[in-house]
Amino acid sequence: MSKVIIANTDQSLDFDSDQPNLLTFLENNNFEPQFHCREGFCGACRCKLISGNVEYQQEPLAFVRKGEILLCCATPVNDIEIDIPKF
């Protein structure tokens, strides 16, 4: 089980491997990250990956810079720390 640490909060959550992706996981844990398409096309759910690694169920079509991930199609490979933008 991987830990998901949310930067700038005191939150450290255990990622449930039954969750399809990080976006759904965060929503189920009372976070409200930005999103639109939920399929890796738009990039609205982009966030900063501070540490750790993720894998994609499907390769995102949206542009993702080094050090960023798309929550809608990523799952953690190991413990990760992410910074979710605040809007």
PDB file of N, CA and C in Angstrom:
ATOM      1  N   MET A   1       0.849  -1.183   0.000  1.00  0.00           N
ATOM      2  CA  MET A   1       0.000   0.000   0.000  1.00  0.00           C
ATOM      3  C   MET A   1       0.889   1.239   0.000  1.00  0.00           C
ATOM      4  N   SER A   2       0.613   2.153  -0.892  1.00  0.00           N
ATOM      5  CA  SER A   2       1.391   3.386  -1.005  1.00  0.00           C
ATOM      6  C   SER A   2       0.769   4.497  -0.179  1.00  0.00           C
ATOM      7  N   LYS A   3       1.614   5.361   0.368  1.00  0.00           N
ATOM      8  CA  LYS A   3       1.146   6.554   1.064  1.00  0.00           C
ATOM      9  C   LYS A   3       1.104   7.713   0.083  1.00  0.00           C
ATOM     10  N   VAL A   4       0.072   8.524   0.232  1.00  0.00           N
ATOM     11  CA  VAL A   4      -0.052   9.753  -0.554  1.00  0.00           C
ATOM     12  C   VAL A   4       0.002  10.910   0.436  1.00  0.00           C
ATOM     13  N   ILE A   5       1.064  11.682   0.358  1.00  0.00           N
ATOM     14  CA  ILE A   5       1.246  12.833   1.237  1.00  0.00           C
ATOM     15  C   ILE A   5       0.854  14.075   0.451  1.00  0.00           C
ATOM     16  N   ILE A   6      -0.012  14.887   1.041  1.00  0.00           N
ATOM     17  CA  ILE A   6      -0.469  16.116   0.404  1.00  0.00           C
ATOM     18  C   ILE A   6       0.351  17.266   0.977  1.00  0.00           C
ATOM     19  N   ALA A   7       1.162  17.903   0.140  1.00  0.00           N
ATOM     20  CA  ALA A   7       2.027  19.002   0.580  1.00  0.00           C
ATOM     21  C   ALA A   7       1.195  20.131   1.173  1.00  0.00           C
ATOM     22  N   ASN A   8       1.780  20.839   2.109  1.00  0.00           N
ATOM     23  CA  ASN A   8       1.168  22.000   2.770  1.00  0.00           C
ATOM     24  C   ASN A   8      -0.075  21.644   3.573  1.00  0.00           C
ATOM     25  N   THR A   9      -0.230  20.377   3.905  1.00  0.00           N
ATOM     26  CA  THR A   9      -1.301  19.934   4.801  1.00  0.00           C
ATOM     27  C   THR A   9      -0.688  18.939   5.772  1.00  0.00           C
ATOM     28  N   ASP A  10      -1.464  18.502   6.714  1.00  0.00           N
ATOM     29  CA  ASP A  10      -0.995  17.448   7.618  1.00  0.00           C
ATOM     30  C   ASP A  10      -1.552  16.094   7.187  1.00  0.00           C
ATOM     31  N   GLN A  11      -1.942  15.978   5.917  1.00  0.00           N
ATOM     32  CA  GLN A  11      -2.587  14.780   5.396  1.00  0.00           C
ATOM     33  C   GLN A  11      -1.581  13.783   4.818  1.00  0.00           C
ATOM     34  N   SER A  12      -1.667  12.560   5.315  1.00  0.00           N
ATOM     35  CA  SER A  12      -0.927  11.430   4.770  1.00  0.00           C
ATOM     36  C   SER A  12      -1.933  10.291   4.685  1.00  0.00           C
ATOM     37  N   LEU A  13      -2.259   9.871   3.460  1.00  0.00           N
ATOM     38  CA  LEU A  13      -3.329   8.906   3.238  1.00  0.00           C
ATOM     39  C   LEU A  13      -2.782   7.627   2.629  1.00  0.00           C
ATOM     40  N   ASP A  14      -3.395   6.499   2.974  1.00  0.00           N
ATOM     41  CA  ASP A  14      -3.023   5.220   2.371  1.00  0.00           C
ATOM     42  C   ASP A  14      -3.833   5.024   1.101  1.00  0.00           C
ATOM     43  N   PHE A  15      -3.135   4.895  -0.030  1.00  0.00           N
ATOM     44  CA  PHE A  15      -3.812   4.713  -1.311  1.00  0.00           C
ATOM     45  C   PHE A  15      -4.406   3.316  -1.367  1.00  0.00           C
ATOM     46  N   ASP A  16      -5.697   3.236  -1.589  1.00  0.00           N
ATOM     47  CA  ASP A  16      -6.411   1.974  -1.719  1.00  0.00           C
ATOM     48  C   ASP A  16      -6.285   1.500  -3.153  1.00  0.00           C
ATOM     49  N   SER A  17      -5.679   0.358  -3.357  1.00  0.00           N
ATOM     50  CA  SER A  17      -5.444  -0.137  -4.718  1.00  0.00           C
ATOM     51  C   SER A  17      -6.734  -0.432  -5.476  1.00  0.00           C
ATOM     52  N   ASP A  18      -7.882  -0.398  -4.793  1.00  0.00           N
ATOM     53  CA  ASP A  18      -9.164  -0.557  -5.471  1.00  0.00           C
ATOM     54  C   ASP A  18      -9.592   0.723  -6.195  1.00  0.00           C
ATOM     55  N   GLN A  19      -8.924   1.843  -5.886  1.00  0.00           N
ATOM     56  CA  GLN A  19      -9.257   3.116  -6.517  1.00  0.00           C
ATOM     57  C   GLN A  19      -8.716   3.130  -7.945  1.00  0.00           C
ATOM     58  N   PRO A  20      -9.474   3.654  -8.898  1.00  0.00           N
ATOM     59  CA  PRO A  20      -9.021   3.640 -10.291  1.00  0.00           C
ATOM     60  C   PRO A  20      -7.890   4.630 -10.582  1.00  0.00           C
ATOM     61  N   ASN A  21      -7.804   5.728  -9.797  1.00  0.00           N
ATOM     62  CA  ASN A  21      -6.778   6.746 -10.051  1.00  0.00           C
ATOM     63  C   ASN A  21      -6.690   7.687  -8.853  1.00  0.00           C
ATOM     64  N   LEU A  22      -5.719   8.564  -8.887  1.00  0.00           N
ATOM     65  CA  LEU A  22      -5.513   9.497  -7.781  1.00  0.00           C
ATOM     66  C   LEU A  22      -6.635  10.523  -7.657  1.00  0.00           C
ATOM     67  N   LEU A  23      -7.224  10.931  -8.767  1.00  0.00           N
ATOM     68  CA  LEU A  23      -8.321  11.901  -8.711  1.00  0.00           C
ATOM     69  C   LEU A  23      -9.496  11.343  -7.909  1.00  0.00           C
ATOM     70  N   THR A  24      -9.933  10.170  -8.233  1.00  0.00           N
ATOM     71  CA  THR A  24     -11.045   9.540  -7.506  1.00  0.00           C
ATOM     72  C   THR A  24     -10.675   9.307  -6.049  1.00  0.00           C
ATOM     73  N   PHE A  25      -9.465   8.854  -5.812  1.00  0.00           N
ATOM     74  CA  PHE A  25      -8.981   8.622  -4.446  1.00  0.00           C
ATOM     75  C   PHE A  25      -9.052   9.905  -3.618  1.00  0.00           C
ATOM     76  N   LEU A  26      -8.558  11.010  -4.172  1.00  0.00           N
ATOM     77  CA  LEU A  26      -8.583  12.276  -3.449  1.00  0.00           C
ATOM     78  C   LEU A  26     -10.009  12.761  -3.206  1.00  0.00           C
ATOM     79  N   GLU A  27     -10.863  12.631  -4.199  1.00  0.00           N
ATOM     80  CA  GLU A  27     -12.271  13.021  -4.020  1.00  0.00           C
ATOM     81  C   GLU A  27     -12.922  12.199  -2.914  1.00  0.00           C
ATOM     82  N   ASN A  28     -12.613  10.921  -2.855  1.00  0.00           N
ATOM     83  CA  ASN A  28     -13.167  10.054  -1.818  1.00  0.00           C
ATOM     84  C   ASN A  28     -12.622  10.372  -0.426  1.00  0.00           C
ATOM     85  N   ASN A  29     -11.546  11.162  -0.386  1.00  0.00           N
ATOM     86  CA  ASN A  29     -10.956  11.576   0.885  1.00  0.00           C
ATOM     87  C   ASN A  29     -11.157  13.067   1.147  1.00  0.00           C
ATOM     88  N   ASN A  30     -12.225  13.603   0.579  1.00  0.00           N
ATOM     89  CA  ASN A  30     -12.684  14.969   0.835  1.00  0.00           C
ATOM     90  C   ASN A  30     -11.772  16.073   0.310  1.00  0.00           C
ATOM     91  N   PHE A  31     -10.993  15.784  -0.727  1.00  0.00           N
ATOM     92  CA  PHE A  31     -10.245  16.823  -1.428  1.00  0.00           C
ATOM     93  C   PHE A  31     -11.034  17.179  -2.678  1.00  0.00           C
ATOM     94  N   GLU A  32     -10.832  18.386  -3.180  1.00  0.00           N
ATOM     95  CA  GLU A  32     -11.551  18.846  -4.364  1.00  0.00           C
ATOM     96  C   GLU A  32     -10.573  19.355  -5.422  1.00  0.00           C
ATOM     97  N   PRO A  33      -9.772  18.452  -6.000  1.00  0.00           N
ATOM     98  CA  PRO A  33      -8.850  18.906  -7.053  1.00  0.00           C
ATOM     99  C   PRO A  33      -9.614  19.327  -8.303  1.00  0.00           C
ATOM    100  N   GLN A  34      -9.007  20.212  -9.064  1.00  0.00           N
ATOM    101  CA  GLN A  34      -9.605  20.639 -10.330  1.00  0.00           C
ATOM    102  C   GLN A  34      -9.587  19.472 -11.317  1.00  0.00           C
ATOM    103  N   PHE A  35     -10.588  19.411 -12.178  1.00  0.00           N
ATOM    104  CA  PHE A  35     -10.626  18.411 -13.241  1.00  0.00           C
ATOM    105  C   PHE A  35     -11.656  18.843 -14.272  1.00  0.00           C
ATOM    106  N   HIS A  36     -11.581  18.230 -15.443  1.00  0.00           N
ATOM    107  CA  HIS A  36     -12.601  18.430 -16.472  1.00  0.00           C
ATOM    108  C   HIS A  36     -12.931  17.100 -17.131  1.00  0.00           C
ATOM    109  N   CYS A  37     -12.011  16.593 -17.922  1.00  0.00           N
ATOM    110  CA  CYS A  37     -12.334  15.443 -18.780  1.00  0.00           C
ATOM    111  C   CYS A  37     -12.240  14.084 -18.091  1.00  0.00           C
ATOM    112  N   ARG A  38     -11.394  13.946 -17.073  1.00  0.00           N
ATOM    113  CA  ARG A  38     -11.144  12.676 -16.369  1.00  0.00           C
ATOM    114  C   ARG A  38     -10.506  11.604 -17.256  1.00  0.00           C
ATOM    115  N   GLU A  39      -9.914  12.004 -18.375  1.00  0.00           N
ATOM    116  CA  GLU A  39      -9.332  11.014 -19.290  1.00  0.00           C
ATOM    117  C   GLU A  39      -7.944  11.389 -19.789  1.00  0.00           C
ATOM    118  N   GLY A  40      -7.318  12.412 -19.211  1.00  0.00           N
ATOM    119  CA  GLY A  40      -5.964  12.775 -19.606  1.00  0.00           C
ATOM    120  C   GLY A  40      -5.861  13.648 -20.832  1.00  0.00           C
ATOM    121  N   PHE A  41      -6.988  14.191 -21.304  1.00  0.00           N
ATOM    122  CA  PHE A  41      -6.968  15.036 -22.498  1.00  0.00           C
ATOM    123  C   PHE A  41      -6.699  16.504 -22.181  1.00  0.00           C
ATOM    124  N   CYS A  42      -7.317  17.022 -21.118  1.00  0.00           N
ATOM    125  CA  CYS A  42      -7.321  18.470 -20.909  1.00  0.00           C
ATOM    126  C   CYS A  42      -6.182  18.980 -20.023  1.00  0.00           C
ATOM    127  N   GLY A  43      -5.734  18.200 -19.079  1.00  0.00           N
ATOM    128  CA  GLY A  43      -4.661  18.632 -18.186  1.00  0.00           C
ATOM    129  C   GLY A  43      -5.114  19.455 -16.994  1.00  0.00           C
ATOM    130  N   ALA A  44      -6.409  19.595 -16.794  1.00  0.00           N
ATOM    131  CA  ALA A  44      -6.918  20.417 -15.690  1.00  0.00           C
ATOM    132  C   ALA A  44      -6.552  19.860 -14.314  1.00  0.00           C
ATOM    133  N   CYS A  45      -6.345  18.563 -14.218  1.00  0.00           N
ATOM    134  CA  CYS A  45      -6.032  17.943 -12.928  1.00  0.00           C
ATOM    135  C   CYS A  45      -4.528  17.850 -12.674  1.00  0.00           C
ATOM    136  N   ARG A  46      -3.752  18.566 -13.460  1.00  0.00           N
ATOM    137  CA  ARG A  46      -2.286  18.556 -13.330  1.00  0.00           C
ATOM    138  C   ARG A  46      -1.882  19.009 -11.937  1.00  0.00           C
ATOM    139  N   CYS A  47      -0.938  18.314 -11.338  1.00  0.00           N
ATOM    140  CA  CYS A  47      -0.380  18.738 -10.064  1.00  0.00           C
ATOM    141  C   CYS A  47       1.102  18.399 -10.023  1.00  0.00           C
ATOM    142  N   LYS A  48       1.774  18.940  -9.035  1.00  0.00           N
ATOM    143  CA  LYS A  48       3.212  18.747  -8.907  1.00  0.00           C
ATOM    144  C   LYS A  48       3.490  17.463  -8.132  1.00  0.00           C
ATOM    145  N   LEU A  49       4.375  16.635  -8.680  1.00  0.00           N
ATOM    146  CA  LEU A  49       4.843  15.431  -7.996  1.00  0.00           C
ATOM    147  C   LEU A  49       6.160  15.784  -7.328  1.00  0.00           C
ATOM    148  N   ILE A  50       6.139  15.879  -6.006  1.00  0.00           N
ATOM    149  CA  ILE A  50       7.317  16.291  -5.254  1.00  0.00           C
ATOM    150  C   ILE A  50       8.279  15.120  -5.081  1.00  0.00           C
ATOM    151  N   SER A  51       7.720  13.953  -4.781  1.00  0.00           N
ATOM    152  CA  SER A  51       8.567  12.763  -4.636  1.00  0.00           C
ATOM    153  C   SER A  51       7.757  11.520  -4.952  1.00  0.00           C
ATOM    154  N   GLY A  52       8.471  10.455  -5.269  1.00  0.00           N
ATOM    155  CA  GLY A  52       7.832   9.184  -5.586  1.00  0.00           C
ATOM    156  C   GLY A  52       7.591   9.021  -7.074  1.00  0.00           C
ATOM    157  N   ASN A  53       6.908   7.932  -7.411  1.00  0.00           N
ATOM    158  CA  ASN A  53       6.644   7.598  -8.810  1.00  0.00           C
ATOM    159  C   ASN A  53       5.191   7.180  -8.992  1.00  0.00           C
ATOM    160  N   VAL A  54       4.668   7.477 -10.174  1.00  0.00           N
ATOM    161  CA  VAL A  54       3.320   7.047 -10.539  1.00  0.00           C
ATOM    162  C   VAL A  54       3.394   6.294 -11.853  1.00  0.00           C
ATOM    163  N   GLU A  55       2.338   5.553 -12.118  1.00  0.00           N
ATOM    164  CA  GLU A  55       2.185   4.943 -13.429  1.00  0.00           C
ATOM    165  C   GLU A  55       0.836   5.367 -13.983  1.00  0.00           C
ATOM    166  N   TYR A  56       0.735   5.365 -15.303  1.00  0.00           N
ATOM    167  CA  TYR A  56      -0.497   5.763 -15.973  1.00  0.00           C
ATOM    168  C   TYR A  56      -1.189   4.529 -16.533  1.00  0.00           C
ATOM    169  N   GLN A  57      -2.506   4.428 -16.295  1.00  0.00           N
ATOM    170  CA  GLN A  57      -3.291   3.355 -16.898  1.00  0.00           C
ATOM    171  C   GLN A  57      -3.370   3.574 -18.402  1.00  0.00           C
ATOM    172  N   GLN A  58      -3.438   4.840 -18.798  1.00  0.00           N
ATOM    173  CA  GLN A  58      -3.425   5.233 -20.210  1.00  0.00           C
ATOM    174  C   GLN A  58      -2.501   6.435 -20.319  1.00  0.00           C
ATOM    175  N   GLU A  59      -1.737   6.491 -21.369  1.00  0.00           N
ATOM    176  CA  GLU A  59      -0.812   7.607 -21.545  1.00  0.00           C
ATOM    177  C   GLU A  59      -1.608   8.889 -21.781  1.00  0.00           C
ATOM    178  N   PRO A  60      -1.381   9.927 -20.969  1.00  0.00           N
ATOM    179  CA  PRO A  60      -2.147  11.163 -21.133  1.00  0.00           C
ATOM    180  C   PRO A  60      -1.810  11.871 -22.438  1.00  0.00           C
ATOM    181  N   LEU A  61      -2.809  12.497 -23.020  1.00  0.00           N
ATOM    182  CA  LEU A  61      -2.606  13.285 -24.228  1.00  0.00           C
ATOM    183  C   LEU A  61      -2.259  14.741 -23.904  1.00  0.00           C
ATOM    184  N   ALA A  62      -2.646  15.191 -22.709  1.00  0.00           N
ATOM    185  CA  ALA A  62      -2.311  16.550 -22.286  1.00  0.00           C
ATOM    186  C   ALA A  62      -0.811  16.646 -22.034  1.00  0.00           C
ATOM    187  N   PHE A  63      -0.270  17.824 -22.244  1.00  0.00           N
ATOM    188  CA  PHE A  63       1.143  18.063 -21.999  1.00  0.00           C
ATOM    189  C   PHE A  63       1.425  17.987 -20.501  1.00  0.00           C
ATOM    190  N   VAL A  64       2.415  17.183 -20.126  1.00  0.00           N
ATOM    191  CA  VAL A  64       2.807  17.034 -18.727  1.00  0.00           C
ATOM    192  C   VAL A  64       4.311  17.304 -18.635  1.00  0.00           C
ATOM    193  N   ARG A  65       4.667  18.338 -17.906  1.00  0.00           N
ATOM    194  CA  ARG A  65       6.081  18.668 -17.724  1.00  0.00           C
ATOM    195  C   ARG A  65       6.736  17.711 -16.739  1.00  0.00           C
ATOM    196  N   LYS A  66       8.046  17.677 -16.757  1.00  0.00           N
ATOM    197  CA  LYS A  66       8.790  16.887 -15.787  1.00  0.00           C
ATOM    198  C   LYS A  66       8.436  17.384 -14.386  1.00  0.00           C
ATOM    199  N   GLY A  67       8.128  16.469 -13.489  1.00  0.00           N
ATOM    200  CA  GLY A  67       7.755  16.837 -12.128  1.00  0.00           C
ATOM    201  C   GLY A  67       6.270  17.089 -11.950  1.00  0.00           C
ATOM    202  N   GLU A  68       5.477  16.847 -12.996  1.00  0.00           N
ATOM    203  CA  GLU A  68       4.024  16.998 -12.908  1.00  0.00           C
ATOM    204  C   GLU A  68       3.356  15.665 -13.234  1.00  0.00           C
ATOM    205  N   ILE A  69       2.140  15.502 -12.737  1.00  0.00           N
ATOM    206  CA  ILE A  69       1.331  14.326 -13.067  1.00  0.00           C
ATOM    207  C   ILE A  69      -0.104  14.765 -13.318  1.00  0.00           C
ATOM    208  N   LEU A  70      -0.853  13.906 -13.980  1.00  0.00           N
ATOM    209  CA  LEU A  70      -2.296  14.107 -14.131  1.00  0.00           C
ATOM    210  C   LEU A  70      -2.988  13.128 -13.181  1.00  0.00           C
ATOM    211  N   LEU A  71      -3.748  13.677 -12.257  1.00  0.00           N
ATOM    212  CA  LEU A  71      -4.408  12.864 -11.236  1.00  0.00           C
ATOM    213  C   LEU A  71      -5.418  11.890 -11.820  1.00  0.00           C
ATOM    214  N   CYS A  72      -6.040  12.257 -12.938  1.00  0.00           N
ATOM    215  CA  CYS A  72      -7.155  11.469 -13.477  1.00  0.00           C
ATOM    216  C   CYS A  72      -6.739  10.128 -14.061  1.00  0.00           C
ATOM    217  N   CYS A  73      -5.475   9.954 -14.374  1.00  0.00           N
ATOM    218  CA  CYS A  73      -5.076   8.677 -14.978  1.00  0.00           C
ATOM    219  C   CYS A  73      -3.823   8.093 -14.341  1.00  0.00           C
ATOM    220  N   ALA A  74      -3.429   8.600 -13.162  1.00  0.00           N
ATOM    221  CA  ALA A  74      -2.226   8.126 -12.489  1.00  0.00           C
ATOM    222  C   ALA A  74      -2.564   7.374 -11.210  1.00  0.00           C
ATOM    223  N   THR A  75      -1.731   6.381 -10.910  1.00  0.00           N
ATOM    224  CA  THR A  75      -1.773   5.682  -9.624  1.00  0.00           C
ATOM    225  C   THR A  75      -0.343   5.621  -9.089  1.00  0.00           C
ATOM    226  N   PRO A  76      -0.183   5.655  -7.760  1.00  0.00           N
ATOM    227  CA  PRO A  76       1.170   5.631  -7.203  1.00  0.00           C
ATOM    228  C   PRO A  76       1.814   4.249  -7.330  1.00  0.00           C
ATOM    229  N   VAL A  77       3.117   4.257  -7.615  1.00  0.00           N
ATOM    230  CA  VAL A  77       3.903   3.025  -7.645  1.00  0.00           C
ATOM    231  C   VAL A  77       4.489   2.778  -6.259  1.00  0.00           C
ATOM    232  N   ASN A  78       4.819   3.872  -5.564  1.00  0.00           N
ATOM    233  CA  ASN A  78       5.360   3.818  -4.211  1.00  0.00           C
ATOM    234  C   ASN A  78       4.822   5.033  -3.463  1.00  0.00           C
ATOM    235  N   ASP A  79       5.374   5.324  -2.297  1.00  0.00           N
ATOM    236  CA  ASP A  79       4.930   6.496  -1.551  1.00  0.00           C
ATOM    237  C   ASP A  79       5.205   7.747  -2.380  1.00  0.00           C
ATOM    238  N   ILE A  80       4.222   8.638  -2.411  1.00  0.00           N
ATOM    239  CA  ILE A  80       4.375   9.873  -3.180  1.00  0.00           C
ATOM    240  C   ILE A  80       4.000  11.078  -2.325  1.00  0.00           C
ATOM    241  N   GLU A  81       4.534  12.224  -2.716  1.00  0.00           N
ATOM    242  CA  GLU A  81       4.103  13.501  -2.160  1.00  0.00           C
ATOM    243  C   GLU A  81       3.704  14.380  -3.324  1.00  0.00           C
ATOM    244  N   ILE A  82       2.519  14.966  -3.231  1.00  0.00           N
ATOM    245  CA  ILE A  82       2.011  15.811  -4.309  1.00  0.00           C
ATOM    246  C   ILE A  82       1.602  17.173  -3.761  1.00  0.00           C
ATOM    247  N   ASP A  83       1.621  18.143  -4.635  1.00  0.00           N
ATOM    248  CA  ASP A  83       1.162  19.489  -4.309  1.00  0.00           C
ATOM    249  C   ASP A  83      -0.011  19.794  -5.226  1.00  0.00           C
ATOM    250  N   ILE A  84      -1.200  19.861  -4.651  1.00  0.00           N
ATOM    251  CA  ILE A  84      -2.411  20.113  -5.415  1.00  0.00           C
ATOM    252  C   ILE A  84      -2.635  21.621  -5.488  1.00  0.00           C
ATOM    253  N   PRO A  85      -2.749  22.187  -6.703  1.00  0.00           N
ATOM    254  CA  PRO A  85      -2.969  23.643  -6.815  1.00  0.00           C
ATOM    255  C   PRO A  85      -4.258  24.067  -6.123  1.00  0.00           C
ATOM    256  N   LYS A  86      -4.209  25.231  -5.527  1.00  0.00           N
ATOM    257  CA  LYS A  86      -5.401  25.792  -4.870  1.00  0.00           C
ATOM    258  C   LYS A  86      -5.951  26.894  -5.758  1.00  0.00           C
ATOM    259  N   PHE A  87      -7.206  26.798  -6.090  1.00  0.00           N
ATOM    260  CA  PHE A  87      -7.834  27.791  -6.964  1.00  0.00           C
ATOM    261  C   PHE A  87      -8.880  28.558  -6.210  1.00  0.00           C
TER     262      PHE A  87
END
